[in-house]
Amino acid sequence: MATFDFRFDPAYRVAALPFGVMPATTSVVVEDGELVARFGPWRVRTPLRNVAGTEASGPYSFAKTAGPAHLSFTDRGVTFATNGRRGLCIRFHEPVRALACTGRLRHPGLTVTVADVEGLAAAVAS
């Protein structure tokens, strides 16, 4: 099992707290052929075979990423951000559920701002 913690910048920590997003409620875990990302009340769970690829990305706009999970209206991707510097965009073969509890809205990609971007990319690829 590999667990990747989010890197919290102070301003993001304050903006996220009202949504239940804090170090104790956030992580990305790669285990038993599965990727599980937790971000306060939001979750993404998918088999690793569903991962099409990854790409380091950033920087991000505070207004577009701070606080709760964010939906990109451009590509329907979801972002779990705790800093504006750097993260990992994970693309999926089959879109995943994250924001809507009904499962009707699915996301082709997930961006996470973990502390070890390269380590997560390697864990997802292996």
N, C-alpha and C. Protein backbone atom coordinates (compact mmCIF):
# COMPACT_ATOMS: atom_id res chain seq x y z
N MET A 1 0.85 -1.18 0.00
CA MET A 1 0.00 0.00 0.00
C MET A 1 0.89 1.24 0.00
N ALA A 2 0.52 2.20 -0.83
CA ALA A 2 1.21 3.48 -0.87
C ALA A 2 0.19 4.58 -0.61
N THR A 3 0.47 5.40 0.39
CA THR A 3 -0.42 6.52 0.74
C THR A 3 0.29 7.82 0.46
N PHE A 4 -0.42 8.72 -0.20
CA PHE A 4 0.13 10.02 -0.58
C PHE A 4 -0.70 11.11 0.07
N ASP A 5 -0.03 11.92 0.89
CA ASP A 5 -0.70 13.02 1.58
C ASP A 5 -0.74 14.25 0.70
N PHE A 6 -1.75 15.06 0.92
CA PHE A 6 -1.86 16.33 0.22
C PHE A 6 -0.91 17.35 0.85
N ARG A 7 -0.38 18.25 0.02
CA ARG A 7 0.46 19.35 0.50
C ARG A 7 -0.46 20.56 0.69
N PHE A 8 -0.61 20.99 1.93
CA PHE A 8 -1.50 22.10 2.26
C PHE A 8 -0.72 23.41 2.37
N ASP A 9 -1.11 24.42 1.61
CA ASP A 9 -0.64 25.78 1.82
C ASP A 9 -1.59 26.43 2.82
N PRO A 10 -1.11 27.35 3.65
CA PRO A 10 -1.97 27.94 4.70
C PRO A 10 -3.28 28.54 4.18
N ALA A 11 -3.24 29.29 3.10
CA ALA A 11 -4.47 29.92 2.59
C ALA A 11 -5.46 28.87 2.11
N TYR A 12 -4.98 27.81 1.50
CA TYR A 12 -5.86 26.73 1.05
C TYR A 12 -6.45 25.99 2.25
N ARG A 13 -5.66 25.80 3.30
CA ARG A 13 -6.13 25.12 4.50
C ARG A 13 -7.33 25.85 5.09
N VAL A 14 -7.23 27.18 5.18
CA VAL A 14 -8.33 27.99 5.73
C VAL A 14 -9.56 27.90 4.84
N ALA A 15 -9.37 28.00 3.52
CA ALA A 15 -10.50 27.96 2.59
C ALA A 15 -11.19 26.60 2.57
N ALA A 16 -10.44 25.53 2.82
CA ALA A 16 -10.99 24.18 2.75
C ALA A 16 -11.68 23.72 4.02
N LEU A 17 -11.29 24.27 5.15
CA LEU A 17 -11.79 23.81 6.44
C LEU A 17 -13.32 23.78 6.55
N PRO A 18 -14.06 24.80 6.09
CA PRO A 18 -15.53 24.75 6.20
C PRO A 18 -16.17 23.59 5.43
N PHE A 19 -15.43 23.00 4.50
CA PHE A 19 -15.94 21.90 3.69
C PHE A 19 -15.49 20.54 4.23
N GLY A 20 -14.83 20.52 5.38
CA GLY A 20 -14.36 19.27 5.97
C GLY A 20 -13.10 18.73 5.33
N VAL A 21 -12.40 19.59 4.60
CA VAL A 21 -11.15 19.19 3.94
C VAL A 21 -9.99 19.63 4.82
N MET A 22 -9.26 18.65 5.35
CA MET A 22 -8.11 18.89 6.21
C MET A 22 -7.17 17.70 6.09
N PRO A 23 -5.96 17.79 6.60
CA PRO A 23 -5.03 16.67 6.44
C PRO A 23 -5.60 15.31 6.87
N ALA A 24 -6.39 15.27 7.92
CA ALA A 24 -6.94 14.00 8.40
C ALA A 24 -8.01 13.41 7.47
N THR A 25 -8.55 14.22 6.55
CA THR A 25 -9.63 13.73 5.68
C THR A 25 -9.23 13.70 4.21
N THR A 26 -7.93 13.79 3.95
CA THR A 26 -7.46 13.80 2.57
C THR A 26 -6.30 12.82 2.39
N SER A 27 -6.32 12.11 1.29
CA SER A 27 -5.20 11.23 0.92
C SER A 27 -5.50 10.61 -0.43
N VAL A 28 -4.46 10.09 -1.04
CA VAL A 28 -4.60 9.24 -2.22
C VAL A 28 -3.89 7.94 -1.87
N VAL A 29 -4.60 6.83 -2.01
CA VAL A 29 -4.06 5.52 -1.67
C VAL A 29 -4.05 4.65 -2.93
N VAL A 30 -2.92 4.01 -3.17
CA VAL A 30 -2.79 3.04 -4.25
C VAL A 30 -2.54 1.69 -3.58
N GLU A 31 -3.51 0.78 -3.75
CA GLU A 31 -3.43 -0.51 -3.06
C GLU A 31 -4.29 -1.54 -3.78
N ASP A 32 -3.76 -2.75 -3.87
CA ASP A 32 -4.51 -3.88 -4.43
C ASP A 32 -5.14 -3.56 -5.79
N GLY A 33 -4.36 -2.91 -6.65
CA GLY A 33 -4.85 -2.61 -7.99
C GLY A 33 -5.91 -1.54 -8.06
N GLU A 34 -5.96 -0.69 -7.05
CA GLU A 34 -7.00 0.33 -7.00
C GLU A 34 -6.43 1.68 -6.57
N LEU A 35 -7.04 2.74 -7.07
CA LEU A 35 -6.72 4.11 -6.69
C LEU A 35 -7.92 4.66 -5.92
N VAL A 36 -7.66 5.17 -4.72
CA VAL A 36 -8.71 5.77 -3.91
C VAL A 36 -8.23 7.16 -3.47
N ALA A 37 -8.96 8.19 -3.87
CA ALA A 37 -8.64 9.56 -3.48
C ALA A 37 -9.75 10.07 -2.56
N ARG A 38 -9.35 10.58 -1.39
CA ARG A 38 -10.30 11.17 -0.43
C ARG A 38 -10.00 12.65 -0.31
N PHE A 39 -11.07 13.45 -0.30
CA PHE A 39 -10.94 14.90 -0.17
C PHE A 39 -12.14 15.39 0.62
N GLY A 40 -12.02 15.32 1.94
CA GLY A 40 -13.17 15.64 2.78
C GLY A 40 -14.31 14.68 2.45
N PRO A 41 -15.49 15.19 2.11
CA PRO A 41 -16.62 14.31 1.81
C PRO A 41 -16.60 13.70 0.41
N TRP A 42 -15.65 14.09 -0.44
CA TRP A 42 -15.60 13.61 -1.82
C TRP A 42 -14.63 12.45 -1.95
N ARG A 43 -14.99 11.50 -2.83
CA ARG A 43 -14.17 10.31 -3.05
C ARG A 43 -14.12 9.97 -4.54
N VAL A 44 -12.98 9.44 -4.94
CA VAL A 44 -12.84 8.81 -6.25
C VAL A 44 -12.23 7.45 -5.99
N ARG A 45 -12.86 6.42 -6.55
CA ARG A 45 -12.35 5.05 -6.42
C ARG A 45 -12.44 4.41 -7.80
N THR A 46 -11.30 3.89 -8.27
CA THR A 46 -11.29 3.27 -9.59
C THR A 46 -10.14 2.26 -9.66
N PRO A 47 -10.30 1.22 -10.46
CA PRO A 47 -9.19 0.28 -10.66
C PRO A 47 -8.02 0.97 -11.37
N LEU A 48 -6.81 0.57 -11.06
CA LEU A 48 -5.64 1.15 -11.72
C LEU A 48 -5.67 0.92 -13.23
N ARG A 49 -6.28 -0.16 -13.67
CA ARG A 49 -6.36 -0.42 -15.11
C ARG A 49 -7.19 0.64 -15.84
N ASN A 50 -7.96 1.43 -15.07
CA ASN A 50 -8.75 2.51 -15.66
C ASN A 50 -7.91 3.79 -15.87
N VAL A 51 -6.71 3.84 -15.33
CA VAL A 51 -5.85 5.02 -15.49
C VAL A 51 -5.22 5.01 -16.88
N ALA A 52 -5.51 6.05 -17.65
CA ALA A 52 -4.98 6.16 -19.01
C ALA A 52 -3.62 6.84 -19.03
N GLY A 53 -3.34 7.68 -18.02
CA GLY A 53 -2.07 8.38 -17.97
C GLY A 53 -2.09 9.45 -16.90
N THR A 54 -0.91 10.02 -16.65
CA THR A 54 -0.77 11.08 -15.66
C THR A 54 0.11 12.18 -16.23
N GLU A 55 -0.04 13.37 -15.65
CA GLU A 55 0.80 14.49 -16.06
C GLU A 55 0.88 15.49 -14.90
N ALA A 56 2.10 15.87 -14.54
CA ALA A 56 2.28 16.92 -13.54
C ALA A 56 1.73 18.22 -14.11
N SER A 57 1.08 19.00 -13.25
CA SER A 57 0.48 20.25 -13.72
C SER A 57 0.58 21.33 -12.64
N GLY A 58 0.23 22.54 -13.01
CA GLY A 58 0.27 23.68 -12.11
C GLY A 58 1.05 24.79 -12.79
N PRO A 59 1.03 25.97 -12.28
CA PRO A 59 0.32 26.41 -11.07
C PRO A 59 -1.18 26.59 -11.34
N TYR A 60 -1.93 26.73 -10.24
CA TYR A 60 -3.38 26.85 -10.30
C TYR A 60 -3.83 28.17 -9.69
N SER A 61 -4.93 28.68 -10.18
CA SER A 61 -5.53 29.90 -9.64
C SER A 61 -6.22 29.59 -8.32
N PHE A 62 -5.93 30.38 -7.30
CA PHE A 62 -6.55 30.20 -5.98
C PHE A 62 -8.08 30.24 -6.09
N ALA A 63 -8.61 31.20 -6.82
CA ALA A 63 -10.06 31.36 -6.94
C ALA A 63 -10.72 30.16 -7.60
N LYS A 64 -10.00 29.46 -8.47
CA LYS A 64 -10.59 28.33 -9.19
C LYS A 64 -10.36 26.99 -8.51
N THR A 65 -9.51 26.95 -7.47
CA THR A 65 -9.18 25.65 -6.88
C THR A 65 -9.32 25.56 -5.37
N ALA A 66 -9.33 26.68 -4.65
CA ALA A 66 -9.35 26.62 -3.18
C ALA A 66 -10.73 26.27 -2.66
N GLY A 67 -10.76 25.59 -1.52
CA GLY A 67 -12.02 25.25 -0.86
C GLY A 67 -12.45 23.84 -1.15
N PRO A 68 -13.67 23.67 -1.69
CA PRO A 68 -14.18 22.32 -1.93
C PRO A 68 -13.58 21.72 -3.21
N ALA A 69 -14.01 20.52 -3.54
CA ALA A 69 -13.67 19.93 -4.83
C ALA A 69 -14.23 20.83 -5.93
N HIS A 70 -13.50 20.93 -7.04
CA HIS A 70 -13.91 21.83 -8.12
C HIS A 70 -14.11 21.06 -9.42
N LEU A 71 -15.14 21.46 -10.15
CA LEU A 71 -15.45 20.90 -11.46
C LEU A 71 -14.95 21.85 -12.53
N SER A 72 -14.24 21.31 -13.52
CA SER A 72 -13.82 22.10 -14.67
C SER A 72 -14.95 22.05 -15.69
N PHE A 73 -15.48 23.21 -16.04
CA PHE A 73 -16.54 23.26 -17.03
C PHE A 73 -16.01 23.01 -18.43
N THR A 74 -14.71 23.16 -18.61
CA THR A 74 -14.10 22.94 -19.92
C THR A 74 -14.09 21.46 -20.29
N ASP A 75 -13.60 20.61 -19.36
CA ASP A 75 -13.45 19.19 -19.69
C ASP A 75 -14.13 18.24 -18.70
N ARG A 76 -14.91 18.76 -17.74
CA ARG A 76 -15.62 17.98 -16.72
C ARG A 76 -14.68 17.28 -15.74
N GLY A 77 -13.39 17.63 -15.76
CA GLY A 77 -12.45 17.06 -14.79
C GLY A 77 -12.75 17.60 -13.40
N VAL A 78 -12.27 16.89 -12.39
CA VAL A 78 -12.46 17.32 -11.01
C VAL A 78 -11.10 17.58 -10.39
N THR A 79 -11.04 18.60 -9.53
CA THR A 79 -9.79 18.97 -8.87
C THR A 79 -9.95 18.92 -7.37
N PHE A 80 -9.02 18.21 -6.72
CA PHE A 80 -8.89 18.19 -5.26
C PHE A 80 -7.59 18.95 -4.97
N ALA A 81 -7.70 20.25 -4.64
CA ALA A 81 -6.50 21.08 -4.50
C ALA A 81 -6.33 21.63 -3.10
N THR A 82 -5.09 21.56 -2.61
CA THR A 82 -4.72 22.10 -1.30
C THR A 82 -3.52 23.05 -1.41
N ASN A 83 -3.09 23.29 -2.62
CA ASN A 83 -2.06 24.30 -2.88
C ASN A 83 -2.18 24.71 -4.34
N GLY A 84 -1.61 25.83 -4.67
CA GLY A 84 -1.70 26.32 -6.03
C GLY A 84 -0.45 26.10 -6.86
N ARG A 85 0.52 25.39 -6.28
CA ARG A 85 1.80 25.24 -6.96
C ARG A 85 1.84 24.09 -7.95
N ARG A 86 1.48 22.88 -7.48
CA ARG A 86 1.75 21.71 -8.31
C ARG A 86 0.85 20.55 -7.92
N GLY A 87 0.50 19.76 -8.91
CA GLY A 87 -0.30 18.57 -8.65
C GLY A 87 -0.11 17.56 -9.76
N LEU A 88 -0.92 16.51 -9.70
CA LEU A 88 -0.88 15.46 -10.70
C LEU A 88 -2.26 15.31 -11.31
N CYS A 89 -2.34 15.42 -12.62
CA CYS A 89 -3.58 15.18 -13.35
C CYS A 89 -3.58 13.71 -13.75
N ILE A 90 -4.63 13.01 -13.35
CA ILE A 90 -4.79 11.58 -13.66
C ILE A 90 -5.95 11.46 -14.64
N ARG A 91 -5.69 10.92 -15.83
CA ARG A 91 -6.72 10.74 -16.84
C ARG A 91 -7.22 9.29 -16.82
N PHE A 92 -8.50 9.13 -17.09
CA PHE A 92 -9.14 7.81 -17.02
C PHE A 92 -9.65 7.36 -18.39
N HIS A 93 -9.62 6.04 -18.62
CA HIS A 93 -10.23 5.47 -19.82
C HIS A 93 -11.74 5.65 -19.74
N GLU A 94 -12.32 5.28 -18.62
CA GLU A 94 -13.75 5.43 -18.37
C GLU A 94 -13.93 6.48 -17.28
N PRO A 95 -14.72 7.52 -17.52
CA PRO A 95 -14.92 8.56 -16.51
C PRO A 95 -15.40 7.99 -15.17
N VAL A 96 -15.04 8.69 -14.10
CA VAL A 96 -15.33 8.24 -12.73
C VAL A 96 -16.30 9.18 -12.03
N ARG A 97 -16.93 8.67 -10.97
CA ARG A 97 -17.80 9.49 -10.13
C ARG A 97 -16.96 10.20 -9.08
N ALA A 98 -17.37 11.43 -8.73
CA ALA A 98 -16.69 12.15 -7.65
C ALA A 98 -17.59 13.17 -6.98
N LEU A 99 -18.28 13.99 -7.74
CA LEU A 99 -19.02 15.11 -7.17
C LEU A 99 -20.49 14.82 -6.94
N ALA A 100 -21.17 14.26 -7.90
CA ALA A 100 -22.61 14.04 -7.78
C ALA A 100 -22.88 12.68 -7.15
N CYS A 101 -23.66 12.69 -6.08
CA CYS A 101 -23.93 11.42 -5.38
C CYS A 101 -24.80 10.49 -6.22
N THR A 102 -25.45 11.00 -7.25
CA THR A 102 -26.28 10.16 -8.11
C THR A 102 -25.43 9.36 -9.10
N GLY A 103 -24.20 9.80 -9.33
CA GLY A 103 -23.33 9.12 -10.28
C GLY A 103 -23.59 9.50 -11.73
N ARG A 104 -24.52 10.42 -11.96
CA ARG A 104 -24.84 10.81 -13.34
C ARG A 104 -23.72 11.64 -13.96
N LEU A 105 -23.05 12.45 -13.15
CA LEU A 105 -21.92 13.24 -13.64
C LEU A 105 -20.65 12.44 -13.42
N ARG A 106 -19.94 12.20 -14.50
CA ARG A 106 -18.68 11.46 -14.41
C ARG A 106 -17.55 12.30 -14.97
N HIS A 107 -16.35 12.03 -14.48
CA HIS A 107 -15.20 12.88 -14.76
C HIS A 107 -14.11 12.10 -15.48
N PRO A 108 -13.60 12.64 -16.59
CA PRO A 108 -12.53 11.97 -17.33
C PRO A 108 -11.15 12.15 -16.72
N GLY A 109 -11.04 13.04 -15.73
CA GLY A 109 -9.75 13.27 -15.10
C GLY A 109 -9.89 13.79 -13.69
N LEU A 110 -8.85 13.57 -12.90
CA LEU A 110 -8.78 14.01 -11.52
C LEU A 110 -7.42 14.65 -11.30
N THR A 111 -7.41 15.87 -10.74
CA THR A 111 -6.16 16.51 -10.38
C THR A 111 -6.07 16.54 -8.85
N VAL A 112 -4.94 16.08 -8.32
CA VAL A 112 -4.70 16.05 -6.88
C VAL A 112 -3.37 16.74 -6.58
N THR A 113 -3.34 17.53 -5.51
CA THR A 113 -2.12 18.27 -5.16
C THR A 113 -1.42 17.60 -3.99
N VAL A 114 -0.93 16.40 -4.25
CA VAL A 114 -0.22 15.64 -3.22
C VAL A 114 1.20 16.16 -3.07
N ALA A 115 1.82 15.86 -1.95
CA ALA A 115 3.19 16.30 -1.68
C ALA A 115 4.20 15.61 -2.60
N ASP A 116 3.96 14.36 -2.94
CA ASP A 116 4.90 13.58 -3.75
C ASP A 116 4.27 13.26 -5.11
N VAL A 117 4.29 14.25 -6.00
CA VAL A 117 3.69 14.10 -7.33
C VAL A 117 4.36 12.97 -8.11
N GLU A 118 5.69 12.94 -8.11
CA GLU A 118 6.40 11.90 -8.87
C GLU A 118 6.14 10.51 -8.30
N GLY A 119 6.10 10.41 -6.97
CA GLY A 119 5.84 9.12 -6.35
C GLY A 119 4.47 8.58 -6.68
N LEU A 120 3.46 9.45 -6.68
CA LEU A 120 2.10 9.01 -7.05
C LEU A 120 2.06 8.59 -8.52
N ALA A 121 2.69 9.36 -9.37
CA ALA A 121 2.72 9.01 -10.80
C ALA A 121 3.34 7.63 -10.99
N ALA A 122 4.44 7.35 -10.29
CA ALA A 122 5.10 6.04 -10.40
C ALA A 122 4.22 4.93 -9.84
N ALA A 123 3.56 5.17 -8.71
CA ALA A 123 2.70 4.15 -8.10
C ALA A 123 1.52 3.80 -8.99
N VAL A 124 0.96 4.80 -9.64
CA VAL A 124 -0.19 4.58 -10.53
C VAL A 124 0.25 3.84 -11.78
N ALA A 125 1.47 4.11 -12.25
CA ALA A 125 1.97 3.48 -13.49
C ALA A 125 2.40 2.03 -13.29
N SER A 126 2.74 1.65 -12.06
CA SER A 126 3.27 0.29 -11.86
C SER A 126 2.18 -0.74 -11.65
